[in-house]
Amino acid sequence: MSYKDSGQPQPSLKERLQKLDEIESKVMQIMQSAGGTLDELSKDIPSQKQIEIHAHNFRDAVRDVELELISQLNYLSQVLAGLPYEKNVYKETIDLTIAAERLKNVERILSKAL
């Protein structure tokens, strides 16, 4: 489903870049959570509660990154398929091409008639 079909406003390029920065930050959180879990597991007496906290943070961050990456990939798929997106003129280009062909046909018909 495209943003146009969903009724949601299309994010600007700046907003998309901010989202990618947020994804990068979340990936860093994933690495920190994984590192924290490993640090805790390497202790002589690991704290089960700390392991669960790190694991929970890890799962939440992975889910957030996955959802946002899916959104970004869907947008890129729309761009590549020529579907409506910010700054897309594909439809207008096709309309112009069809109008130009119609004009040529009318000119041919008129030149034959005259």
Protein backbone atom coordinates (compact mmCIF):
# COMPACT_ATOMS: atom_id res chain seq x y z
CA MET A 1 0.00 0.00 0.00
CA SER A 2 1.37 3.39 -0.87
CA TYR A 3 1.25 6.42 1.42
CA LYS A 4 -1.28 7.95 -0.97
CA ASP A 5 -3.58 4.93 -0.59
CA SER A 6 -3.23 4.83 3.20
CA GLY A 7 -4.28 8.46 3.63
CA GLN A 8 -1.09 9.23 5.55
CA PRO A 9 0.94 12.30 4.61
CA GLN A 10 4.17 11.52 2.82
CA PRO A 11 7.27 12.12 4.94
CA SER A 12 9.72 14.65 3.53
CA LEU A 13 13.28 13.76 2.60
CA LYS A 14 14.49 15.41 5.81
CA GLU A 15 12.10 13.28 7.86
CA ARG A 16 13.24 10.12 6.05
CA LEU A 17 16.87 10.95 6.78
CA GLN A 18 15.99 11.57 10.43
CA LYS A 19 14.30 8.16 10.54
CA LEU A 20 17.45 6.56 9.13
CA ASP A 21 19.49 8.29 11.85
CA GLU A 22 17.06 6.92 14.42
CA ILE A 23 17.48 3.44 12.95
CA GLU A 24 21.24 3.80 13.24
CA SER A 25 20.85 4.81 16.90
CA LYS A 26 18.61 1.81 17.51
CA VAL A 27 21.22 -0.49 15.94
CA MET A 28 23.74 0.94 18.40
CA GLN A 29 21.28 0.20 21.22
CA ILE A 30 21.00 -3.37 19.94
CA MET A 31 24.78 -3.72 20.07
CA GLN A 32 24.90 -2.24 23.58
CA SER A 33 22.14 -4.53 24.82
CA ALA A 34 23.86 -7.56 23.35
CA GLY A 35 27.16 -6.45 24.89
CA GLY A 36 25.49 -5.85 28.25
CA THR A 37 23.97 -9.32 28.16
CA LEU A 38 27.34 -10.89 27.33
CA ASP A 39 29.06 -8.87 30.07
CA GLU A 40 26.49 -10.00 32.58
CA LEU A 41 26.77 -13.64 31.46
CA SER A 42 30.56 -13.52 31.77
CA LYS A 43 30.34 -12.60 35.46
CA ASP A 44 30.93 -15.28 38.09
CA ILE A 45 27.40 -14.73 39.41
CA PRO A 46 25.26 -13.20 36.65
CA SER A 47 22.13 -11.30 37.63
CA GLN A 48 19.10 -12.90 36.01
CA LYS A 49 17.22 -9.59 36.27
CA GLN A 50 19.96 -7.67 34.42
CA ILE A 51 20.09 -10.35 31.72
CA GLU A 52 16.32 -10.09 31.28
CA ILE A 53 16.48 -6.28 31.10
CA HIS A 54 19.21 -6.40 28.43
CA ALA A 55 17.34 -9.12 26.50
CA HIS A 56 14.08 -7.15 26.67
CA ASN A 57 15.81 -3.97 25.42
CA PHE A 58 17.46 -6.01 22.67
CA ARG A 59 14.14 -7.48 21.47
CA ASP A 60 12.38 -4.10 21.56
CA ALA A 61 15.14 -2.38 19.59
CA VAL A 62 15.28 -5.19 17.01
CA ARG A 63 11.50 -5.00 16.55
CA ASP A 64 11.62 -1.20 16.12
CA VAL A 65 14.47 -1.43 13.60
CA GLU A 66 12.71 -4.18 11.68
CA LEU A 67 9.44 -2.22 11.42
CA GLU A 68 11.15 1.00 10.35
CA LEU A 69 13.35 -0.79 7.79
CA ILE A 70 10.27 -2.46 6.33
CA SER A 71 8.66 0.97 6.00
CA GLN A 72 11.78 2.38 4.30
CA LEU A 73 12.00 -0.62 1.94
CA ASN A 74 8.32 -0.29 1.02
CA TYR A 75 8.92 3.36 0.15
CA LEU A 76 11.94 2.45 -1.99
CA SER A 77 9.87 -0.24 -3.73
CA GLN A 78 7.26 2.39 -4.59
CA VAL A 79 9.95 4.68 -5.96
CA LEU A 80 11.41 1.93 -8.13
CA ALA A 81 7.98 0.84 -9.36
CA GLY A 82 7.01 4.39 -10.33
CA LEU A 83 4.18 4.57 -7.81
CA PRO A 84 3.20 7.92 -6.31
CA TYR A 85 5.81 9.31 -3.94
CA GLU A 86 7.36 12.65 -3.09
CA LYS A 87 8.72 14.44 -6.20
CA ASN A 88 7.52 11.66 -8.54
CA VAL A 89 6.47 12.87 -11.98
CA TYR A 90 6.03 9.43 -13.55
CA LYS A 91 2.26 9.79 -14.02
CA GLU A 92 2.63 13.26 -15.47
CA THR A 93 5.35 12.03 -17.85
CA ILE A 94 3.11 9.23 -19.12
CA ASP A 95 0.18 11.65 -19.51
CA LEU A 96 2.39 14.04 -21.48
CA THR A 97 3.65 11.22 -23.72
CA ILE A 98 0.10 10.06 -24.45
CA ALA A 99 -1.02 13.63 -25.17
CA ALA A 100 1.93 14.10 -27.57
CA GLU A 101 0.99 10.89 -29.41
CA ARG A 102 -2.62 12.04 -29.69
CA LEU A 103 -1.46 15.39 -31.07
CA LYS A 104 0.68 13.61 -33.70
CA ASN A 105 -2.29 11.46 -34.71
CA VAL A 106 -4.53 14.53 -35.06
CA GLU A 107 -1.84 16.28 -37.15
CA ARG A 108 -1.55 13.21 -39.43
CA ILE A 109 -5.31 13.03 -39.88
CA LEU A 110 -5.54 16.76 -40.62
CA SER A 111 -2.64 16.68 -43.09
CA LYS A 112 -4.30 13.81 -44.98
CA ALA A 113 -7.65 15.60 -44.99
CA LEU A 114 -6.18 18.81 -46.37
